[in-house]
């Protein structure tokens, strides 16, 4: 009882797609050294030289440049060649595991290979604004900004991914809490997706053993998750004698911003992004905002996020 060789048939690699999802076929030829070998032997065959193996139950579909983690081997059909009873044709069918009712096919089904669930909704948040919808500044009749600034309600897309894993690693998931994507994910550039909290897990049992159903909540911000703050304050950069810095006389410290009478101001004054009052360097110029990275970047590729049919 030995396998002489395993080869993939040239006709291998067909597939179909319908409302139920995608399916594939891989076809293998297996030669044994005795007619006493049966379907069990050839369904587990491995070529002794090349290492090519007949895909086993629940093996992910992969062939050439294509891999579909949502499709697994759910059926093997072993047919003995009538002219050469030592030669077998093994057809492996790959289908997508999906259950809307909670019932699954019989046998040792690994639920961690099932398609992840996806849910979307919109989250409201308050945003301070300085201009109206026409681009006009929101100021009082004297041209001064209101305090506090006007706020409006905006909305961001939230996406929940539910998937099952065999093992739950608290240290790994803790690192993703409050992290933004360091790489492209779902077609979005780095810094635009944020995992709002470490994904939690519900411990469950399938026909193989225990597993964890985890939920990842990711919020989308096309503008990025950097924090913005209006550049303002009561102090400015100053030279050693308290004057205004220049290229020839650089700043050596900070000093109070003073009003027309020379007294220190009692309220915040707009700055120009370079540490000086905006009214000095750019009178009438637009307020300057400063950006700060406050969320740690993490690679999202290891999360194996499911594909989304979204046109951003």
C-alpha atoms as a PDB file:
ATOM      1  CA  UNK A   1       0.000   0.000   0.000  1.00  0.00           C
ATOM      2  CA  UNK A   2       1.948   2.987  -1.327  1.00  0.00           C
ATOM      3  CA  UNK A   3       1.402   6.014  -3.528  1.00  0.00           C
ATOM      4  CA  UNK A   4       3.498   5.955  -6.700  1.00  0.00           C
ATOM      5  CA  UNK A   5       2.714   9.499  -7.773  1.00  0.00           C
ATOM      6  CA  UNK A   6       0.143  12.329  -7.575  1.00  0.00           C
ATOM      7  CA  UNK A   7      -0.436  14.709 -10.468  1.00  0.00           C
ATOM      8  CA  UNK A   8      -2.923  17.493 -11.066  1.00  0.00           C
ATOM      9  CA  UNK A   9      -5.083  16.998 -14.128  1.00  0.00           C
ATOM     10  CA  UNK A  10      -4.778  19.682 -16.861  1.00  0.00           C
ATOM     11  CA  UNK A  11      -8.558  20.156 -16.624  1.00  0.00           C
ATOM     12  CA  UNK A  12      -8.223  21.116 -12.968  1.00  0.00           C
ATOM     13  CA  UNK A  13      -9.144  24.605 -11.788  1.00  0.00           C
ATOM     14  CA  UNK A  14     -12.703  25.147 -12.960  1.00  0.00           C
ATOM     15  CA  UNK A  15     -15.140  27.248 -10.968  1.00  0.00           C
ATOM     16  CA  UNK A  16     -18.628  28.672 -10.715  1.00  0.00           C
ATOM     17  CA  UNK A  17     -20.247  31.663  -9.045  1.00  0.00           C
ATOM     18  CA  UNK A  18     -23.918  32.182  -8.200  1.00  0.00           C
ATOM     19  CA  UNK A  19     -26.108  33.749  -5.538  1.00  0.00           C
ATOM     20  CA  UNK A  20     -24.842  31.214  -3.007  1.00  0.00           C
ATOM     21  CA  UNK A  21     -21.225  32.216  -3.562  1.00  0.00           C
ATOM     22  CA  UNK A  22     -18.201  30.797  -5.347  1.00  0.00           C
ATOM     23  CA  UNK A  23     -17.234  27.158  -5.934  1.00  0.00           C
ATOM     24  CA  UNK A  24     -14.171  25.520  -7.456  1.00  0.00           C
ATOM     25  CA  UNK A  25     -12.869  22.142  -8.587  1.00  0.00           C
ATOM     26  CA  UNK A  26      -9.391  20.680  -8.511  1.00  0.00           C
ATOM     27  CA  UNK A  27      -8.820  17.325 -10.188  1.00  0.00           C
ATOM     28  CA  UNK A  28      -5.982  14.950  -9.342  1.00  0.00           C
ATOM     29  CA  UNK A  29      -4.681  11.709 -10.797  1.00  0.00           C
ATOM     30  CA  UNK A  30      -3.320   9.255  -8.229  1.00  0.00           C
ATOM     31  CA  UNK A  31      -1.397   6.069  -9.023  1.00  0.00           C
ATOM     32  CA  UNK A  32      -1.066   3.404  -6.329  1.00  0.00           C
ATOM     33  CA  UNK A  33       1.088   0.283  -6.309  1.00  0.00           C
ATOM     34  CA  UNK A  34      -1.766  -2.131  -5.643  1.00  0.00           C
ATOM     35  CA  UNK A  35      -5.399  -2.553  -6.617  1.00  0.00           C
ATOM     36  CA  UNK A  36      -6.143  -3.170  -2.939  1.00  0.00           C
ATOM     37  CA  UNK A  37      -5.912   0.563  -2.237  1.00  0.00           C
ATOM     38  CA  UNK A  38      -9.267   2.307  -2.049  1.00  0.00           C
ATOM     39  CA  UNK A  39     -10.839   5.774  -1.779  1.00  0.00           C
ATOM     40  CA  UNK A  40      -9.495   6.475   1.694  1.00  0.00           C
ATOM     41  CA  UNK A  41      -5.899   5.970   0.606  1.00  0.00           C
ATOM     42  CA  UNK A  42      -6.133   8.029  -2.561  1.00  0.00           C
ATOM     43  CA  UNK A  43      -8.118  10.835  -0.873  1.00  0.00           C
ATOM     44  CA  UNK A  44      -5.157  11.329   1.489  1.00  0.00           C
ATOM     45  CA  UNK A  45      -2.473  10.792  -1.163  1.00  0.00           C
ATOM     46  CA  UNK A  46       0.787  12.735  -1.174  1.00  0.00           C
ATOM     47  CA  UNK A  47       3.324  12.486  -3.983  1.00  0.00           C
ATOM     48  CA  UNK A  48       6.501  10.930  -2.517  1.00  0.00           C
ATOM     49  CA  UNK A  49       8.775  13.145  -4.646  1.00  0.00           C
ATOM     50  CA  UNK A  50       7.064  16.510  -5.257  1.00  0.00           C
ATOM     51  CA  UNK A  51       4.996  16.573  -2.082  1.00  0.00           C
ATOM     52  CA  UNK A  52       1.835  17.418  -4.061  1.00  0.00           C
ATOM     53  CA  UNK A  53      -1.102  16.415  -1.877  1.00  0.00           C
ATOM     54  CA  UNK A  54      -4.764  15.807  -2.569  1.00  0.00           C
ATOM     55  CA  UNK A  55      -6.596  18.530  -0.592  1.00  0.00           C
ATOM     56  CA  UNK A  56      -8.260  17.186   2.512  1.00  0.00           C
ATOM     57  CA  UNK A  57     -11.571  18.119   4.063  1.00  0.00           C
ATOM     58  CA  UNK A  58     -11.898  21.872   4.796  1.00  0.00           C
ATOM     59  CA  UNK A  59      -8.625  22.732   3.036  1.00  0.00           C
ATOM     60  CA  UNK A  60      -8.688  26.307   1.703  1.00  0.00           C
ATOM     61  CA  UNK A  61      -8.841  26.615  -2.093  1.00  0.00           C
ATOM     62  CA  UNK A  62      -5.499  27.594  -3.586  1.00  0.00           C
ATOM     63  CA  UNK A  63      -4.187  27.076  -7.103  1.00  0.00           C
ATOM     64  CA  UNK A  64      -1.535  29.006  -8.980  1.00  0.00           C
ATOM     65  CA  UNK A  65      -1.898  32.720  -8.271  1.00  0.00           C
ATOM     66  CA  UNK A  66      -5.340  32.377  -6.682  1.00  0.00           C
ATOM     67  CA  UNK A  67      -6.325  31.742  -3.089  1.00  0.00           C
ATOM     68  CA  UNK A  68      -9.868  31.985  -1.702  1.00  0.00           C
ATOM     69  CA  UNK A  69      -9.919  31.725   2.072  1.00  0.00           C
ATOM     70  CA  UNK A  70     -13.713  31.635   2.042  1.00  0.00           C
ATOM     71  CA  UNK A  71     -13.901  28.420  -0.008  1.00  0.00           C
ATOM     72  CA  UNK A  72     -12.889  25.094   1.506  1.00  0.00           C
ATOM     73  CA  UNK A  73     -12.898  21.510   0.320  1.00  0.00           C
ATOM     74  CA  UNK A  74     -16.313  20.088   1.152  1.00  0.00           C
ATOM     75  CA  UNK A  75     -16.375  17.054  -1.127  1.00  0.00           C
ATOM     76  CA  UNK A  76     -13.998  14.495  -2.634  1.00  0.00           C
ATOM     77  CA  UNK A  77     -15.058  12.105  -5.389  1.00  0.00           C
ATOM     78  CA  UNK A  78     -12.695   9.193  -6.027  1.00  0.00           C
ATOM     79  CA  UNK A  79     -13.137   7.231  -9.279  1.00  0.00           C
ATOM     80  CA  UNK A  80     -11.090   4.154 -10.233  1.00  0.00           C
ATOM     81  CA  UNK A  81      -9.900   3.952 -13.840  1.00  0.00           C
ATOM     82  CA  UNK A  82     -11.509   0.951 -15.556  1.00  0.00           C
ATOM     83  CA  UNK A  83      -8.513   0.215 -17.811  1.00  0.00           C
ATOM     84  CA  UNK A  84      -5.953   0.655 -15.013  1.00  0.00           C
ATOM     85  CA  UNK A  85      -7.462  -0.154 -11.580  1.00  0.00           C
ATOM     86  CA  UNK A  86      -4.363   1.269  -9.845  1.00  0.00           C
ATOM     87  CA  UNK A  87      -5.066   4.708 -11.303  1.00  0.00           C
ATOM     88  CA  UNK A  88      -7.600   7.010  -9.632  1.00  0.00           C
ATOM     89  CA  UNK A  89      -9.213  10.312 -10.552  1.00  0.00           C
ATOM     90  CA  UNK A  90      -9.964  12.436  -7.469  1.00  0.00           C
ATOM     91  CA  UNK A  91     -12.230  15.469  -7.886  1.00  0.00           C
ATOM     92  CA  UNK A  92     -12.111  17.942  -4.994  1.00  0.00           C
ATOM     93  CA  UNK A  93     -14.978  20.422  -4.744  1.00  0.00           C
ATOM     94  CA  UNK A  94     -14.468  23.686  -2.855  1.00  0.00           C
ATOM     95  CA  UNK A  95     -17.498  25.656  -1.666  1.00  0.00           C
ATOM     96  CA  UNK A  96     -18.142  28.580   0.669  1.00  0.00           C
ATOM     97  CA  UNK A  97     -19.283  27.757   4.175  1.00  0.00           C
ATOM     98  CA  UNK A  98     -22.215  29.932   5.095  1.00  0.00           C
ATOM     99  CA  UNK A  99     -25.039  29.499   7.554  1.00  0.00           C
ATOM    100  CA  UNK A 100     -27.902  31.938   8.011  1.00  0.00           C
ATOM    101  CA  UNK A 101     -29.930  29.541  10.172  1.00  0.00           C
ATOM    102  CA  UNK A 102     -27.187  28.311  12.481  1.00  0.00           C
ATOM    103  CA  UNK A 103     -27.220  24.780  11.031  1.00  0.00           C
ATOM    104  CA  UNK A 104     -24.186  23.360   9.309  1.00  0.00           C
ATOM    105  CA  UNK A 105     -23.384  20.298   7.213  1.00  0.00           C
ATOM    106  CA  UNK A 106     -22.701  17.105   9.119  1.00  0.00           C
ATOM    107  CA  UNK A 107     -19.210  15.919   9.925  1.00  0.00           C
ATOM    108  CA  UNK A 108     -16.282  17.617  11.613  1.00  0.00           C
ATOM    109  CA  UNK A 109     -16.891  21.138  10.330  1.00  0.00           C
ATOM    110  CA  UNK A 110     -14.366  23.739  11.490  1.00  0.00           C
ATOM    111  CA  UNK A 111     -16.472  26.841  12.069  1.00  0.00           C
ATOM    112  CA  UNK A 112     -13.389  29.033  12.166  1.00  0.00           C
ATOM    113  CA  UNK A 113     -13.265  28.623   8.363  1.00  0.00           C
ATOM    114  CA  UNK A 114     -16.775  30.032   7.889  1.00  0.00           C
ATOM    115  CA  UNK A 115     -17.233  33.378   6.174  1.00  0.00           C
ATOM    116  CA  UNK A 116     -16.976  36.343   8.578  1.00  0.00           C
ATOM    117  CA  UNK A 117     -20.122  38.313   9.298  1.00  0.00           C
ATOM    118  CA  UNK A 118     -20.235  42.015   8.429  1.00  0.00           C
ATOM    119  CA  UNK A 119     -22.538  44.707   9.840  1.00  0.00           C
ATOM    120  CA  UNK A 120     -22.482  48.432   9.037  1.00  0.00           C
ATOM    121  CA  UNK A 121     -24.039  51.493  10.633  1.00  0.00           C
ATOM    122  CA  UNK A 122     -23.387  55.225  11.087  1.00  0.00           C
ATOM    123  CA  UNK A 123     -21.988  56.862  14.222  1.00  0.00           C
ATOM    124  CA  UNK A 124     -22.756  60.510  14.969  1.00  0.00           C
ATOM    125  CA  UNK A 125     -20.205  62.906  16.438  1.00  0.00           C
ATOM    126  CA  UNK A 126     -19.904  66.666  17.078  1.00  0.00           C
ATOM    127  CA  UNK A 127     -17.523  68.808  15.056  1.00  0.00           C
ATOM    128  CA  UNK A 128     -16.606  72.444  15.707  1.00  0.00           C
ATOM    129  CA  UNK A 129     -16.792  74.555  12.546  1.00  0.00           C
ATOM    130  CA  UNK A 130     -15.522  78.014  11.612  1.00  0.00           C
ATOM    131  CA  UNK A 131     -17.403  78.459   8.308  1.00  0.00           C
ATOM    132  CA  UNK A 132     -20.965  77.915   7.109  1.00  0.00           C
ATOM    133  CA  UNK A 133     -22.025  75.839   4.099  1.00  0.00           C
ATOM    134  CA  UNK A 134     -21.288  78.817   1.804  1.00  0.00           C
ATOM    135  CA  UNK A 135     -17.741  79.244   3.078  1.00  0.00           C
ATOM    136  CA  UNK A 136     -18.504  82.399   5.075  1.00  0.00           C
ATOM    137  CA  UNK A 137     -16.813  82.657   8.485  1.00  0.00           C
ATOM    138  CA  UNK A 138     -19.057  82.124  11.509  1.00  0.00           C
ATOM    139  CA  UNK A 139     -18.411  85.321  13.468  1.00  0.00           C
ATOM    140  CA  UNK A 140     -20.400  87.970  15.317  1.00  0.00           C
ATOM    141  CA  UNK A 141     -21.267  91.389  13.904  1.00  0.00           C
ATOM    142  CA  UNK A 142     -17.876  92.703  15.009  1.00  0.00           C
ATOM    143  CA  UNK A 143     -16.111  89.957  13.073  1.00  0.00           C
ATOM    144  CA  UNK A 144     -15.050  88.030  16.163  1.00  0.00           C
ATOM    145  CA  UNK A 145     -15.427  84.211  16.430  1.00  0.00           C
ATOM    146  CA  UNK A 146     -18.018  82.879  18.850  1.00  0.00           C
ATOM    147  CA  UNK A 147     -16.986  81.161  22.064  1.00  0.00           C
ATOM    148  CA  UNK A 148     -17.586  78.297  22.199  1.00  0.00           C
ATOM    149  CA  UNK A 149     -17.306  77.601  18.493  1.00  0.00           C
ATOM    150  CA  UNK A 150     -20.374  76.418  16.595  1.00  0.00           C
ATOM    151  CA  UNK A 151     -20.792  72.635  16.467  1.00  0.00           C
ATOM    152  CA  UNK A 152     -22.636  70.412  13.990  1.00  0.00           C
ATOM    153  CA  UNK A 153     -23.416  66.699  13.920  1.00  0.00           C
ATOM    154  CA  UNK A 154     -21.433  64.627  11.439  1.00  0.00           C
ATOM    155  CA  UNK A 155     -21.524  60.887  10.748  1.00  0.00           C
ATOM    156  CA  UNK A 156     -18.875  58.226  10.199  1.00  0.00           C
ATOM    157  CA  UNK A 157     -19.267  54.689   8.883  1.00  0.00           C
ATOM    158  CA  UNK A 158     -18.764  51.926  11.446  1.00  0.00           C
ATOM    159  CA  UNK A 159     -18.095  48.346  10.354  1.00  0.00           C
ATOM    160  CA  UNK A 160     -18.351  45.316  12.613  1.00  0.00           C
ATOM    161  CA  UNK A 161     -16.620  42.117  11.519  1.00  0.00           C
ATOM    162  CA  UNK A 162     -17.578  38.923  13.335  1.00  0.00           C
ATOM    163  CA  UNK A 163     -15.332  35.942  12.840  1.00  0.00           C
ATOM    164  CA  UNK A 164     -14.332  32.802  14.694  1.00  0.00           C
ATOM    165  CA  UNK A 165     -10.819  31.878  15.794  1.00  0.00           C
ATOM    166  CA  UNK A 166      -9.580  28.728  17.454  1.00  0.00           C
ATOM    167  CA  UNK A 167      -7.448  30.617  19.978  1.00  0.00           C
ATOM    168  CA  UNK A 168      -7.884  34.028  21.590  1.00  0.00           C
ATOM    169  CA  UNK A 169      -4.739  36.049  22.321  1.00  0.00           C
ATOM    170  CA  UNK A 170      -5.433  38.932  24.765  1.00  0.00           C
ATOM    171  CA  UNK A 171      -1.962  40.443  24.221  1.00  0.00           C
ATOM    172  CA  UNK A 172      -2.413  40.539  20.439  1.00  0.00           C
ATOM    173  CA  UNK A 173      -5.890  42.048  20.525  1.00  0.00           C
ATOM    174  CA  UNK A 174      -4.967  44.560  23.224  1.00  0.00           C
ATOM    175  CA  UNK A 175      -2.384  46.052  20.847  1.00  0.00           C
ATOM    176  CA  UNK A 176      -5.151  46.783  18.329  1.00  0.00           C
ATOM    177  CA  UNK A 177      -7.355  48.696  20.745  1.00  0.00           C
ATOM    178  CA  UNK A 178      -7.521  52.311  19.552  1.00  0.00           C
ATOM    179  CA  UNK A 179      -5.051  51.591  16.719  1.00  0.00           C
ATOM    180  CA  UNK A 180      -5.236  52.897  13.144  1.00  0.00           C
ATOM    181  CA  UNK A 181      -4.248  51.006  10.001  1.00  0.00           C
ATOM    182  CA  UNK A 182      -0.570  51.274   9.117  1.00  0.00           C
ATOM    183  CA  UNK A 183      -1.229  49.783   5.671  1.00  0.00           C
ATOM    184  CA  UNK A 184      -3.920  49.835   3.004  1.00  0.00           C
ATOM    185  CA  UNK A 185      -7.078  47.973   4.063  1.00  0.00           C
ATOM    186  CA  UNK A 186     -10.466  47.823   2.315  1.00  0.00           C
ATOM    187  CA  UNK A 187      -8.946  50.168  -0.271  1.00  0.00           C
ATOM    188  CA  UNK A 188      -8.465  52.871   2.367  1.00  0.00           C
ATOM    189  CA  UNK A 189      -5.030  54.500   2.858  1.00  0.00           C
ATOM    190  CA  UNK A 190      -3.081  54.257   6.124  1.00  0.00           C
ATOM    191  CA  UNK A 191      -4.436  56.204   9.059  1.00  0.00           C
ATOM    192  CA  UNK A 192      -8.109  56.181   7.972  1.00  0.00           C
ATOM    193  CA  UNK A 193      -9.414  53.067   9.784  1.00  0.00           C
ATOM    194  CA  UNK A 194      -9.491  52.763  13.572  1.00  0.00           C
ATOM    195  CA  UNK A 195     -10.175  49.746  15.778  1.00  0.00           C
ATOM    196  CA  UNK A 196     -12.169  51.475  18.494  1.00  0.00           C
ATOM    197  CA  UNK A 197     -11.482  48.868  21.204  1.00  0.00           C
ATOM    198  CA  UNK A 198      -9.717  45.531  21.641  1.00  0.00           C
ATOM    199  CA  UNK A 199     -11.989  42.878  20.084  1.00  0.00           C
ATOM    200  CA  UNK A 200     -13.753  40.765  22.678  1.00  0.00           C
ATOM    201  CA  UNK A 201     -14.598  37.091  22.258  1.00  0.00           C
ATOM    202  CA  UNK A 202     -17.419  34.703  23.146  1.00  0.00           C
ATOM    203  CA  UNK A 203     -16.256  31.168  23.890  1.00  0.00           C
ATOM    204  CA  UNK A 204     -18.192  28.551  21.931  1.00  0.00           C
ATOM    205  CA  UNK A 205     -17.940  24.875  20.972  1.00  0.00           C
ATOM    206  CA  UNK A 206     -18.125  23.220  17.554  1.00  0.00           C
ATOM    207  CA  UNK A 207     -17.566  19.621  16.463  1.00  0.00           C
ATOM    208  CA  UNK A 208     -13.798  20.036  16.725  1.00  0.00           C
ATOM    209  CA  UNK A 209     -13.507  21.783  20.081  1.00  0.00           C
ATOM    210  CA  UNK A 210     -13.699  25.200  21.651  1.00  0.00           C
ATOM    211  CA  UNK A 211     -13.334  28.388  19.640  1.00  0.00           C
ATOM    212  CA  UNK A 212     -13.924  32.113  20.132  1.00  0.00           C
ATOM    213  CA  UNK A 213     -16.332  34.295  18.218  1.00  0.00           C
ATOM    214  CA  UNK A 214     -14.723  37.733  18.139  1.00  0.00           C
ATOM    215  CA  UNK A 215     -16.147  41.082  17.080  1.00  0.00           C
ATOM    216  CA  UNK A 216     -13.963  43.793  15.576  1.00  0.00           C
ATOM    217  CA  UNK A 217     -15.482  47.279  15.429  1.00  0.00           C
ATOM    218  CA  UNK A 218     -13.723  49.528  12.936  1.00  0.00           C
ATOM    219  CA  UNK A 219     -14.636  53.167  12.268  1.00  0.00           C
ATOM    220  CA  UNK A 220     -13.870  54.846   8.952  1.00  0.00           C
ATOM    221  CA  UNK A 221     -12.609  58.426   8.665  1.00  0.00           C
ATOM    222  CA  UNK A 222     -11.546  59.325   5.098  1.00  0.00           C
ATOM    223  CA  UNK A 223      -9.833  62.456   6.442  1.00  0.00           C
ATOM    224  CA  UNK A 224      -7.680  60.432   8.819  1.00  0.00           C
ATOM    225  CA  UNK A 225      -7.609  60.109  12.604  1.00  0.00           C
ATOM    226  CA  UNK A 226      -5.064  62.814  13.393  1.00  0.00           C
ATOM    227  CA  UNK A 227      -6.293  65.283  16.001  1.00  0.00           C
ATOM    228  CA  UNK A 228      -6.525  68.939  15.012  1.00  0.00           C
ATOM    229  CA  UNK A 229      -6.173  71.882  17.371  1.00  0.00           C
ATOM    230  CA  UNK A 230      -6.512  75.594  16.648  1.00  0.00           C
ATOM    231  CA  UNK A 231      -3.104  77.238  16.958  1.00  0.00           C
ATOM    232  CA  UNK A 232      -3.688  79.847  19.642  1.00  0.00           C
ATOM    233  CA  UNK A 233      -2.403  80.902  23.037  1.00  0.00           C
ATOM    234  CA  UNK A 234      -1.265  83.728  25.261  1.00  0.00           C
ATOM    235  CA  UNK A 235       2.473  83.279  24.597  1.00  0.00           C
ATOM    236  CA  UNK A 236       4.691  83.575  21.522  1.00  0.00           C
ATOM    237  CA  UNK A 237       8.247  82.719  20.611  1.00  0.00           C
ATOM    238  CA  UNK A 238      10.667  85.458  21.640  1.00  0.00           C
ATOM    239  CA  UNK A 239      14.310  86.445  21.323  1.00  0.00           C
ATOM    240  CA  UNK A 240      16.593  86.763  24.325  1.00  0.00           C
ATOM    241  CA  UNK A 241      15.479  90.370  24.872  1.00  0.00           C
ATOM    242  CA  UNK A 242      11.779  89.541  24.337  1.00  0.00           C
ATOM    243  CA  UNK A 243      11.600  90.759  20.737  1.00  0.00           C
ATOM    244  CA  UNK A 244      10.115  89.175  17.631  1.00  0.00           C
ATOM    245  CA  UNK A 245      12.366  86.405  16.224  1.00  0.00           C
ATOM    246  CA  UNK A 246      13.823  86.649  12.722  1.00  0.00           C
ATOM    247  CA  UNK A 247      16.249  84.698  10.558  1.00  0.00           C
ATOM    248  CA  UNK A 248      19.135  86.708  11.948  1.00  0.00           C
ATOM    249  CA  UNK A 249      17.852  86.696  15.530  1.00  0.00           C
ATOM    250  CA  UNK A 250      16.308  83.296  16.306  1.00  0.00           C
ATOM    251  CA  UNK A 251      13.949  82.589  19.177  1.00  0.00           C
ATOM    252  CA  UNK A 252      15.483  81.608  22.476  1.00  0.00           C
ATOM    253  CA  UNK A 253      12.364  81.279  24.565  1.00  0.00           C
ATOM    254  CA  UNK A 254       8.752  82.387  24.908  1.00  0.00           C
ATOM    255  CA  UNK A 255       7.143  85.585  26.099  1.00  0.00           C
ATOM    256  CA  UNK A 256       3.718  87.012  26.791  1.00  0.00           C
ATOM    257  CA  UNK A 257       1.710  88.354  23.918  1.00  0.00           C
ATOM    258  CA  UNK A 258       0.821  91.950  24.734  1.00  0.00           C
ATOM    259  CA  UNK A 259      -2.028  94.191  23.626  1.00  0.00           C
ATOM    260  CA  UNK A 260      -1.822  97.744  22.250  1.00  0.00           C
ATOM    261  CA  UNK A 261      -1.124  99.125  25.708  1.00  0.00           C
ATOM    262  CA  UNK A 262       1.734  96.702  26.318  1.00  0.00           C
ATOM    263  CA  UNK A 263      -0.216  94.658  28.876  1.00  0.00           C
ATOM    264  CA  UNK A 264      -0.263  90.851  28.658  1.00  0.00           C
ATOM    265  CA  UNK A 265      -3.377  89.599  26.860  1.00  0.00           C
ATOM    266  CA  UNK A 266      -6.014  87.923  29.018  1.00  0.00           C
ATOM    267  CA  UNK A 267      -7.344  85.650  26.286  1.00  0.00           C
ATOM    268  CA  UNK A 268      -5.988  83.313  23.641  1.00  0.00           C
ATOM    269  CA  UNK A 269      -4.661  84.924  20.475  1.00  0.00           C
ATOM    270  CA  UNK A 270      -4.481  83.177  17.102  1.00  0.00           C
ATOM    271  CA  UNK A 271      -0.971  82.048  16.147  1.00  0.00           C
ATOM    272  CA  UNK A 272       0.487  81.598  12.676  1.00  0.00           C
ATOM    273  CA  UNK A 273       1.745  77.998  12.958  1.00  0.00           C
ATOM    274  CA  UNK A 274       5.272  79.246  13.632  1.00  0.00           C
ATOM    275  CA  UNK A 275       4.812  80.500  17.178  1.00  0.00           C
ATOM    276  CA  UNK A 276       3.964  84.144  16.420  1.00  0.00           C
ATOM    277  CA  UNK A 277       0.663  86.073  16.529  1.00  0.00           C
ATOM    278  CA  UNK A 278      -1.231  85.704  13.264  1.00  0.00           C
ATOM    279  CA  UNK A 279      -2.139  89.408  13.262  1.00  0.00           C
ATOM    280  CA  UNK A 280       1.570  90.279  13.113  1.00  0.00           C
ATOM    281  CA  UNK A 281       2.766  87.878  10.417  1.00  0.00           C
ATOM    282  CA  UNK A 282      -0.417  87.557   8.348  1.00  0.00           C
ATOM    283  CA  UNK A 283      -3.073  90.145   9.280  1.00  0.00           C
ATOM    284  CA  UNK A 284      -6.544  88.896   8.339  1.00  0.00           C
ATOM    285  CA  UNK A 285      -5.213  85.447   7.507  1.00  0.00           C
ATOM    286  CA  UNK A 286      -7.164  82.256   8.104  1.00  0.00           C
ATOM    287  CA  UNK A 287      -6.762  80.508  11.468  1.00  0.00           C
ATOM    288  CA  UNK A 288      -4.083  77.801  11.513  1.00  0.00           C
ATOM    289  CA  UNK A 289      -4.766  74.294  12.782  1.00  0.00           C
ATOM    290  CA  UNK A 290      -2.088  71.894  13.993  1.00  0.00           C
ATOM    291  CA  UNK A 291      -2.269  68.121  13.465  1.00  0.00           C
ATOM    292  CA  UNK A 292      -1.176  65.505  16.007  1.00  0.00           C
ATOM    293  CA  UNK A 293      -0.907  61.732  15.670  1.00  0.00           C
ATOM    294  CA  UNK A 294      -2.501  60.352  18.815  1.00  0.00           C
ATOM    295  CA  UNK A 295      -3.419  56.796  17.694  1.00  0.00           C
ATOM    296  CA  UNK A 296      -0.797  54.088  17.356  1.00  0.00           C
ATOM    297  CA  UNK A 297      -0.515  52.527  13.848  1.00  0.00           C
ATOM    298  CA  UNK A 298      -0.821  48.741  13.512  1.00  0.00           C
ATOM    299  CA  UNK A 299      -0.749  46.520  10.413  1.00  0.00           C
ATOM    300  CA  UNK A 300      -4.280  45.471   9.453  1.00  0.00           C
ATOM    301  CA  UNK A 301      -3.165  42.812   6.925  1.00  0.00           C
ATOM    302  CA  UNK A 302      -2.838  40.105   9.641  1.00  0.00           C
ATOM    303  CA  UNK A 303      -6.516  40.658  10.532  1.00  0.00           C
ATOM    304  CA  UNK A 304      -7.548  39.007   7.225  1.00  0.00           C
ATOM    305  CA  UNK A 305     -10.488  41.375   6.905  1.00  0.00           C
ATOM    306  CA  UNK A 306     -13.172  40.124   4.497  1.00  0.00           C
ATOM    307  CA  UNK A 307     -13.650  41.847   1.176  1.00  0.00           C
ATOM    308  CA  UNK A 308     -16.318  44.560   1.054  1.00  0.00           C
ATOM    309  CA  UNK A 309     -18.338  45.513  -1.995  1.00  0.00           C
ATOM    310  CA  UNK A 310     -17.948  49.225  -1.292  1.00  0.00           C
ATOM    311  CA  UNK A 311     -17.128  52.068  -3.676  1.00  0.00           C
ATOM    312  CA  UNK A 312     -15.647  54.695  -1.384  1.00  0.00           C
END
